[in-house]
Amino acid sequence: DAHAGWPALINGVAYTYNQKDAKLTTNFAIDGARGILVTMGSREGVEPAVSPNGGQVFSVGSLKTGPVTAVSFDISDVNNSAYLAASREGDSRTHLYRVNLDTGEATWLSGVGKHEQIQGMAIAP
C-alpha cells in the first residue's frame, strides 16, 4: 500500500450492502487530504478479515480530484453505486461525483448550487 504508515484524514464514510449476507460489508472512506478512496479494514471476502474498528486503512486509489473538503459520501443499498459530494481545494462550490469502488476514480456528474456546501447526503433505495 503506497500510503501505509501515513495518518489518514477520513472525512466521509459509507458501507456497501451484501444482499446475500448483511454481515458481509466493506467500509469505504474518503481521505480528503490525499484525495483517495480507502477501506477501513479489509474488503468483504478478503482473508484474513481485518475489522474496520481496528483503525487499519487500506488505499483503493486516487479520486483524481486532488484534495477534497466538505465531504458527503454514500453507497446505494440497491447496487452498491457510490456517490461523493465534495468541494475541491480552493473551490467553494460543491461537486457531485460517482465513485468507482474498484479503482477509486471519481467521475464528475454535476455542480451543486452556487457556492453552498452540502452538509449531508443519503441515497434512498
N, C-alpha and C. Protein backbone atom coordinates (compact mmCIF):
# COMPACT_ATOMS: atom_id res chain seq x y z
N ASP A 1 0.85 -1.18 0.00
CA ASP A 1 0.00 0.00 0.00
C ASP A 1 0.90 1.24 0.00
N ALA A 2 0.74 2.09 -0.99
CA ALA A 2 1.60 3.26 -1.14
C ALA A 2 1.47 4.25 0.02
N HIS A 3 0.37 4.21 0.74
CA HIS A 3 0.15 5.16 1.84
C HIS A 3 0.29 4.51 3.21
N ALA A 4 0.83 3.31 3.27
CA ALA A 4 0.99 2.62 4.55
C ALA A 4 1.85 3.45 5.49
N GLY A 5 1.41 3.54 6.73
CA GLY A 5 2.15 4.29 7.73
C GLY A 5 1.83 5.77 7.79
N TRP A 6 1.08 6.28 6.82
CA TRP A 6 0.68 7.68 6.82
C TRP A 6 -0.65 7.82 7.54
N PRO A 7 -0.82 8.84 8.38
CA PRO A 7 -2.13 9.02 9.02
C PRO A 7 -3.15 9.46 7.97
N ALA A 8 -4.33 8.88 8.03
CA ALA A 8 -5.40 9.22 7.09
C ALA A 8 -6.25 10.34 7.68
N LEU A 9 -6.75 11.23 6.83
CA LEU A 9 -7.70 12.25 7.24
C LEU A 9 -9.05 11.84 6.66
N ILE A 10 -9.77 11.03 7.42
CA ILE A 10 -11.05 10.49 6.95
C ILE A 10 -12.13 11.53 7.17
N ASN A 11 -12.82 11.90 6.08
CA ASN A 11 -13.92 12.85 6.24
C ASN A 11 -15.17 12.46 5.46
N GLY A 12 -15.34 11.18 5.21
CA GLY A 12 -16.55 10.64 4.63
C GLY A 12 -16.49 9.13 4.65
N VAL A 13 -17.54 8.48 5.17
CA VAL A 13 -17.54 7.02 5.34
C VAL A 13 -18.87 6.46 4.86
N ALA A 14 -18.83 5.29 4.20
CA ALA A 14 -20.06 4.62 3.77
C ALA A 14 -19.79 3.12 3.65
N TYR A 15 -20.82 2.32 3.88
CA TYR A 15 -20.73 0.86 3.80
C TYR A 15 -21.41 0.33 2.55
N THR A 16 -20.85 -0.75 1.99
CA THR A 16 -21.55 -1.48 0.94
C THR A 16 -22.62 -2.34 1.61
N TYR A 17 -23.50 -2.91 0.79
CA TYR A 17 -24.55 -3.79 1.30
C TYR A 17 -24.48 -5.09 0.52
N ASN A 18 -24.36 -6.20 1.24
CA ASN A 18 -24.35 -7.52 0.62
C ASN A 18 -25.74 -8.11 0.77
N GLN A 19 -26.47 -8.27 -0.34
CA GLN A 19 -27.85 -8.73 -0.29
C GLN A 19 -27.98 -10.17 0.19
N LYS A 20 -26.93 -10.98 0.04
CA LYS A 20 -26.98 -12.37 0.47
C LYS A 20 -26.66 -12.53 1.94
N ASP A 21 -25.79 -11.66 2.48
CA ASP A 21 -25.38 -11.75 3.88
C ASP A 21 -25.07 -10.35 4.39
N ALA A 22 -26.01 -9.77 5.12
CA ALA A 22 -25.88 -8.39 5.59
C ALA A 22 -24.68 -8.19 6.52
N LYS A 23 -24.11 -9.28 7.03
CA LYS A 23 -22.93 -9.17 7.90
C LYS A 23 -21.65 -8.97 7.10
N LEU A 24 -21.70 -9.23 5.79
CA LEU A 24 -20.53 -9.05 4.93
C LEU A 24 -20.63 -7.70 4.23
N THR A 25 -19.90 -6.73 4.72
CA THR A 25 -19.90 -5.40 4.13
C THR A 25 -18.46 -4.91 4.02
N THR A 26 -18.29 -3.84 3.29
CA THR A 26 -16.99 -3.17 3.22
C THR A 26 -17.20 -1.72 3.64
N ASN A 27 -16.35 -1.23 4.51
CA ASN A 27 -16.40 0.15 4.97
C ASN A 27 -15.44 0.97 4.10
N PHE A 28 -16.00 1.74 3.18
CA PHE A 28 -15.20 2.63 2.33
C PHE A 28 -15.17 4.02 2.95
N ALA A 29 -14.10 4.74 2.71
CA ALA A 29 -13.96 6.09 3.26
C ALA A 29 -13.18 6.97 2.30
N ILE A 30 -13.35 8.26 2.48
CA ILE A 30 -12.63 9.25 1.69
C ILE A 30 -11.54 9.86 2.56
N ASP A 31 -10.30 9.79 2.10
CA ASP A 31 -9.19 10.51 2.73
C ASP A 31 -9.08 11.82 1.96
N GLY A 32 -9.70 12.86 2.50
CA GLY A 32 -9.80 14.13 1.79
C GLY A 32 -8.47 14.82 1.58
N ALA A 33 -7.54 14.68 2.52
CA ALA A 33 -6.24 15.35 2.40
C ALA A 33 -5.46 14.83 1.20
N ARG A 34 -5.58 13.55 0.92
CA ARG A 34 -4.86 12.96 -0.21
C ARG A 34 -5.73 12.80 -1.45
N GLY A 35 -7.05 12.97 -1.30
CA GLY A 35 -7.95 12.79 -2.44
C GLY A 35 -7.98 11.35 -2.90
N ILE A 36 -8.07 10.41 -1.92
CA ILE A 36 -8.09 8.99 -2.28
C ILE A 36 -9.26 8.27 -1.60
N LEU A 37 -9.67 7.18 -2.23
CA LEU A 37 -10.65 6.26 -1.65
C LEU A 37 -9.88 5.19 -0.89
N VAL A 38 -10.33 4.89 0.32
CA VAL A 38 -9.70 3.87 1.15
C VAL A 38 -10.76 2.93 1.69
N THR A 39 -10.32 1.81 2.23
CA THR A 39 -11.21 0.98 3.04
C THR A 39 -10.70 1.05 4.47
N MET A 40 -11.64 1.04 5.39
CA MET A 40 -11.30 0.94 6.81
C MET A 40 -11.49 -0.53 7.14
N GLY A 41 -10.39 -1.23 7.35
CA GLY A 41 -10.45 -2.69 7.44
C GLY A 41 -10.39 -3.26 6.03
N SER A 42 -10.54 -4.57 5.93
CA SER A 42 -10.43 -5.23 4.63
C SER A 42 -11.75 -5.21 3.88
N ARG A 43 -11.67 -5.45 2.57
CA ARG A 43 -12.88 -5.59 1.75
C ARG A 43 -13.54 -6.92 2.08
N GLU A 44 -14.84 -6.99 1.89
CA GLU A 44 -15.54 -8.25 2.15
C GLU A 44 -14.95 -9.35 1.29
N GLY A 45 -14.80 -10.53 1.88
CA GLY A 45 -14.27 -11.68 1.17
C GLY A 45 -12.76 -11.82 1.21
N VAL A 46 -12.05 -10.79 1.65
CA VAL A 46 -10.59 -10.85 1.74
C VAL A 46 -10.21 -11.54 3.04
N GLU A 47 -9.29 -12.50 2.94
CA GLU A 47 -8.80 -13.21 4.13
C GLU A 47 -7.33 -12.90 4.33
N PRO A 48 -6.85 -12.73 5.53
CA PRO A 48 -7.65 -12.70 6.75
C PRO A 48 -8.44 -11.40 6.83
N ALA A 49 -9.65 -11.50 7.39
CA ALA A 49 -10.51 -10.33 7.53
C ALA A 49 -9.92 -9.37 8.56
N VAL A 50 -9.93 -8.09 8.24
CA VAL A 50 -9.46 -7.05 9.15
C VAL A 50 -10.67 -6.17 9.49
N SER A 51 -11.00 -6.07 10.77
CA SER A 51 -12.16 -5.30 11.21
C SER A 51 -11.98 -3.81 10.91
N PRO A 52 -13.06 -3.14 10.49
CA PRO A 52 -12.98 -1.69 10.30
C PRO A 52 -12.80 -0.95 11.62
N ASN A 53 -13.07 -1.61 12.73
CA ASN A 53 -12.96 -0.98 14.04
C ASN A 53 -11.52 -0.92 14.56
N GLY A 54 -10.59 -1.58 13.88
CA GLY A 54 -9.21 -1.63 14.34
C GLY A 54 -8.36 -0.44 13.93
N GLY A 55 -8.87 0.40 13.06
CA GLY A 55 -8.13 1.59 12.66
C GLY A 55 -7.19 1.40 11.49
N GLN A 56 -7.12 0.19 10.93
CA GLN A 56 -6.23 -0.03 9.79
C GLN A 56 -6.92 0.40 8.50
N VAL A 57 -6.23 1.22 7.72
CA VAL A 57 -6.78 1.79 6.49
C VAL A 57 -5.97 1.28 5.31
N PHE A 58 -6.69 0.91 4.23
CA PHE A 58 -6.06 0.40 3.01
C PHE A 58 -6.44 1.30 1.83
N SER A 59 -5.47 1.72 1.04
CA SER A 59 -5.75 2.56 -0.13
C SER A 59 -6.40 1.74 -1.22
N VAL A 60 -7.42 2.33 -1.87
CA VAL A 60 -8.03 1.74 -3.06
C VAL A 60 -7.46 2.43 -4.29
N GLY A 61 -7.53 3.77 -4.32
CA GLY A 61 -7.00 4.51 -5.45
C GLY A 61 -7.35 5.98 -5.39
N SER A 62 -6.74 6.73 -6.28
CA SER A 62 -6.94 8.18 -6.34
C SER A 62 -8.33 8.52 -6.86
N LEU A 63 -8.95 9.53 -6.25
CA LEU A 63 -10.21 10.05 -6.77
C LEU A 63 -9.98 10.82 -8.06
N LYS A 64 -8.76 11.25 -8.29
CA LYS A 64 -8.37 12.08 -9.44
C LYS A 64 -9.02 13.46 -9.37
N THR A 65 -9.30 13.93 -8.15
CA THR A 65 -9.88 15.25 -7.93
C THR A 65 -8.89 16.17 -7.23
N GLY A 66 -7.82 15.63 -6.70
CA GLY A 66 -6.98 16.37 -5.77
C GLY A 66 -7.63 16.33 -4.40
N PRO A 67 -7.08 17.06 -3.43
CA PRO A 67 -7.66 17.07 -2.09
C PRO A 67 -9.10 17.59 -2.12
N VAL A 68 -9.95 17.04 -1.24
CA VAL A 68 -11.35 17.45 -1.16
C VAL A 68 -11.71 17.77 0.28
N THR A 69 -12.69 18.68 0.42
CA THR A 69 -13.20 19.08 1.73
C THR A 69 -14.72 19.03 1.70
N ALA A 70 -15.34 19.31 2.84
CA ALA A 70 -16.81 19.33 2.95
C ALA A 70 -17.41 18.09 2.28
N VAL A 71 -16.94 16.93 2.68
CA VAL A 71 -17.28 15.66 2.03
C VAL A 71 -18.58 15.06 2.57
N SER A 72 -19.44 14.63 1.65
CA SER A 72 -20.57 13.76 1.95
C SER A 72 -20.43 12.57 1.02
N PHE A 73 -20.61 11.35 1.55
CA PHE A 73 -20.32 10.14 0.79
C PHE A 73 -21.35 9.09 1.17
N ASP A 74 -21.92 8.40 0.17
CA ASP A 74 -22.87 7.33 0.46
C ASP A 74 -22.80 6.29 -0.65
N ILE A 75 -23.25 5.07 -0.31
CA ILE A 75 -23.27 3.94 -1.24
C ILE A 75 -24.68 3.39 -1.27
N SER A 76 -25.22 3.19 -2.47
CA SER A 76 -26.58 2.69 -2.64
C SER A 76 -26.73 1.26 -2.13
N ASP A 77 -27.83 1.01 -1.40
CA ASP A 77 -28.15 -0.35 -0.94
C ASP A 77 -28.54 -1.26 -2.09
N VAL A 78 -29.03 -0.69 -3.18
CA VAL A 78 -29.57 -1.48 -4.28
C VAL A 78 -28.46 -2.10 -5.13
N ASN A 79 -27.48 -1.29 -5.54
CA ASN A 79 -26.47 -1.81 -6.47
C ASN A 79 -25.04 -1.42 -6.10
N ASN A 80 -24.85 -0.93 -4.88
CA ASN A 80 -23.52 -0.52 -4.40
C ASN A 80 -22.87 0.57 -5.25
N SER A 81 -23.69 1.42 -5.89
CA SER A 81 -23.16 2.60 -6.58
C SER A 81 -22.78 3.63 -5.53
N ALA A 82 -21.60 4.21 -5.66
CA ALA A 82 -21.10 5.16 -4.67
C ALA A 82 -21.12 6.58 -5.22
N TYR A 83 -21.53 7.52 -4.38
CA TYR A 83 -21.60 8.93 -4.77
C TYR A 83 -20.92 9.80 -3.72
N LEU A 84 -20.25 10.82 -4.21
CA LEU A 84 -19.49 11.73 -3.37
C LEU A 84 -19.89 13.16 -3.72
N ALA A 85 -20.21 13.95 -2.70
CA ALA A 85 -20.39 15.39 -2.86
C ALA A 85 -19.26 16.03 -2.09
N ALA A 86 -18.49 16.89 -2.74
CA ALA A 86 -17.33 17.49 -2.09
C ALA A 86 -16.91 18.76 -2.79
N SER A 87 -16.17 19.57 -2.06
CA SER A 87 -15.52 20.75 -2.63
C SER A 87 -14.06 20.41 -2.86
N ARG A 88 -13.53 20.90 -3.97
CA ARG A 88 -12.10 20.72 -4.23
C ARG A 88 -11.32 21.84 -3.55
N GLU A 89 -10.08 21.57 -3.25
CA GLU A 89 -9.24 22.56 -2.59
C GLU A 89 -9.22 23.85 -3.41
N GLY A 90 -9.51 24.99 -2.75
CA GLY A 90 -9.51 26.28 -3.42
C GLY A 90 -10.80 26.61 -4.16
N ASP A 91 -11.82 25.75 -4.07
CA ASP A 91 -13.09 25.95 -4.78
C ASP A 91 -14.22 25.77 -3.77
N SER A 92 -14.99 26.81 -3.52
CA SER A 92 -16.04 26.74 -2.50
C SER A 92 -17.29 26.00 -2.99
N ARG A 93 -17.37 25.73 -4.28
CA ARG A 93 -18.55 25.04 -4.80
C ARG A 93 -18.51 23.55 -4.49
N THR A 94 -19.70 22.97 -4.35
CA THR A 94 -19.80 21.53 -4.15
C THR A 94 -20.00 20.86 -5.51
N HIS A 95 -19.32 19.73 -5.70
CA HIS A 95 -19.42 18.96 -6.93
C HIS A 95 -19.91 17.55 -6.58
N LEU A 96 -20.72 16.97 -7.46
CA LEU A 96 -21.23 15.62 -7.27
C LEU A 96 -20.49 14.68 -8.21
N TYR A 97 -20.04 13.54 -7.64
CA TYR A 97 -19.27 12.55 -8.39
C TYR A 97 -19.84 11.16 -8.17
N ARG A 98 -19.65 10.29 -9.16
CA ARG A 98 -19.85 8.84 -8.97
C ARG A 98 -18.45 8.27 -8.73
N VAL A 99 -18.32 7.39 -7.73
CA VAL A 99 -17.01 6.85 -7.36
C VAL A 99 -16.94 5.37 -7.70
N ASN A 100 -15.91 4.98 -8.42
CA ASN A 100 -15.67 3.57 -8.75
C ASN A 100 -15.02 2.91 -7.53
N LEU A 101 -15.71 1.96 -6.91
CA LEU A 101 -15.21 1.33 -5.69
C LEU A 101 -14.04 0.38 -5.95
N ASP A 102 -13.80 0.02 -7.21
CA ASP A 102 -12.66 -0.85 -7.53
C ASP A 102 -11.37 -0.07 -7.78
N THR A 103 -11.50 1.14 -8.34
CA THR A 103 -10.31 1.92 -8.69
C THR A 103 -10.13 3.18 -7.85
N GLY A 104 -11.22 3.67 -7.27
CA GLY A 104 -11.20 4.92 -6.52
C GLY A 104 -11.52 6.13 -7.37
N GLU A 105 -11.50 6.01 -8.68
CA GLU A 105 -11.68 7.16 -9.55
C GLU A 105 -13.09 7.75 -9.42
N ALA A 106 -13.14 9.08 -9.28
CA ALA A 106 -14.41 9.80 -9.19
C ALA A 106 -14.72 10.43 -10.54
N THR A 107 -15.93 10.20 -11.03
CA THR A 107 -16.39 10.78 -12.29
C THR A 107 -17.32 11.94 -11.98
N TRP A 108 -16.98 13.14 -12.47
CA TRP A 108 -17.78 14.33 -12.20
C TRP A 108 -19.14 14.19 -12.86
N LEU A 109 -20.20 14.48 -12.09
CA LEU A 109 -21.56 14.43 -12.62
C LEU A 109 -22.17 15.82 -12.76
N SER A 110 -21.95 16.68 -11.75
CA SER A 110 -22.61 17.98 -11.76
C SER A 110 -22.08 18.87 -10.65
N GLY A 111 -22.24 20.15 -10.83
CA GLY A 111 -22.05 21.09 -9.73
C GLY A 111 -23.34 21.11 -8.92
N VAL A 112 -23.27 21.52 -7.67
CA VAL A 112 -24.44 21.56 -6.80
C VAL A 112 -24.56 22.98 -6.25
N GLY A 113 -25.67 23.66 -6.55
CA GLY A 113 -25.87 25.01 -6.03
C GLY A 113 -24.87 25.99 -6.63
N LYS A 114 -24.73 27.12 -5.97
CA LYS A 114 -23.80 28.15 -6.45
C LYS A 114 -22.51 28.08 -5.66
N HIS A 115 -22.53 28.46 -4.41
CA HIS A 115 -21.33 28.39 -3.57
C HIS A 115 -21.66 27.76 -2.23
N GLU A 116 -22.77 27.04 -2.15
CA GLU A 116 -23.15 26.38 -0.92
C GLU A 116 -22.41 25.05 -0.81
N GLN A 117 -22.15 24.64 0.42
CA GLN A 117 -21.55 23.34 0.64
C GLN A 117 -22.60 22.40 1.19
N ILE A 118 -22.62 21.17 0.68
CA ILE A 118 -23.54 20.14 1.15
C ILE A 118 -23.17 19.78 2.58
N GLN A 119 -24.15 19.68 3.45
CA GLN A 119 -23.91 19.31 4.84
C GLN A 119 -24.11 17.82 5.08
N GLY A 120 -24.79 17.13 4.17
CA GLY A 120 -25.02 15.70 4.30
C GLY A 120 -25.73 15.18 3.06
N MET A 121 -25.62 13.88 2.84
CA MET A 121 -26.22 13.27 1.65
C MET A 121 -26.57 11.83 2.00
N ALA A 122 -27.72 11.37 1.51
CA ALA A 122 -28.10 9.97 1.69
C ALA A 122 -28.78 9.50 0.42
N ILE A 123 -28.55 8.26 0.06
CA ILE A 123 -29.17 7.67 -1.12
C ILE A 123 -30.34 6.82 -0.65
N ALA A 124 -31.53 7.13 -1.15
CA ALA A 124 -32.72 6.33 -0.83
C ALA A 124 -32.82 5.18 -1.82
N PRO A 125 -33.21 4.00 -1.34
CA PRO A 125 -33.33 2.86 -2.27
C PRO A 125 -34.32 3.11 -3.39
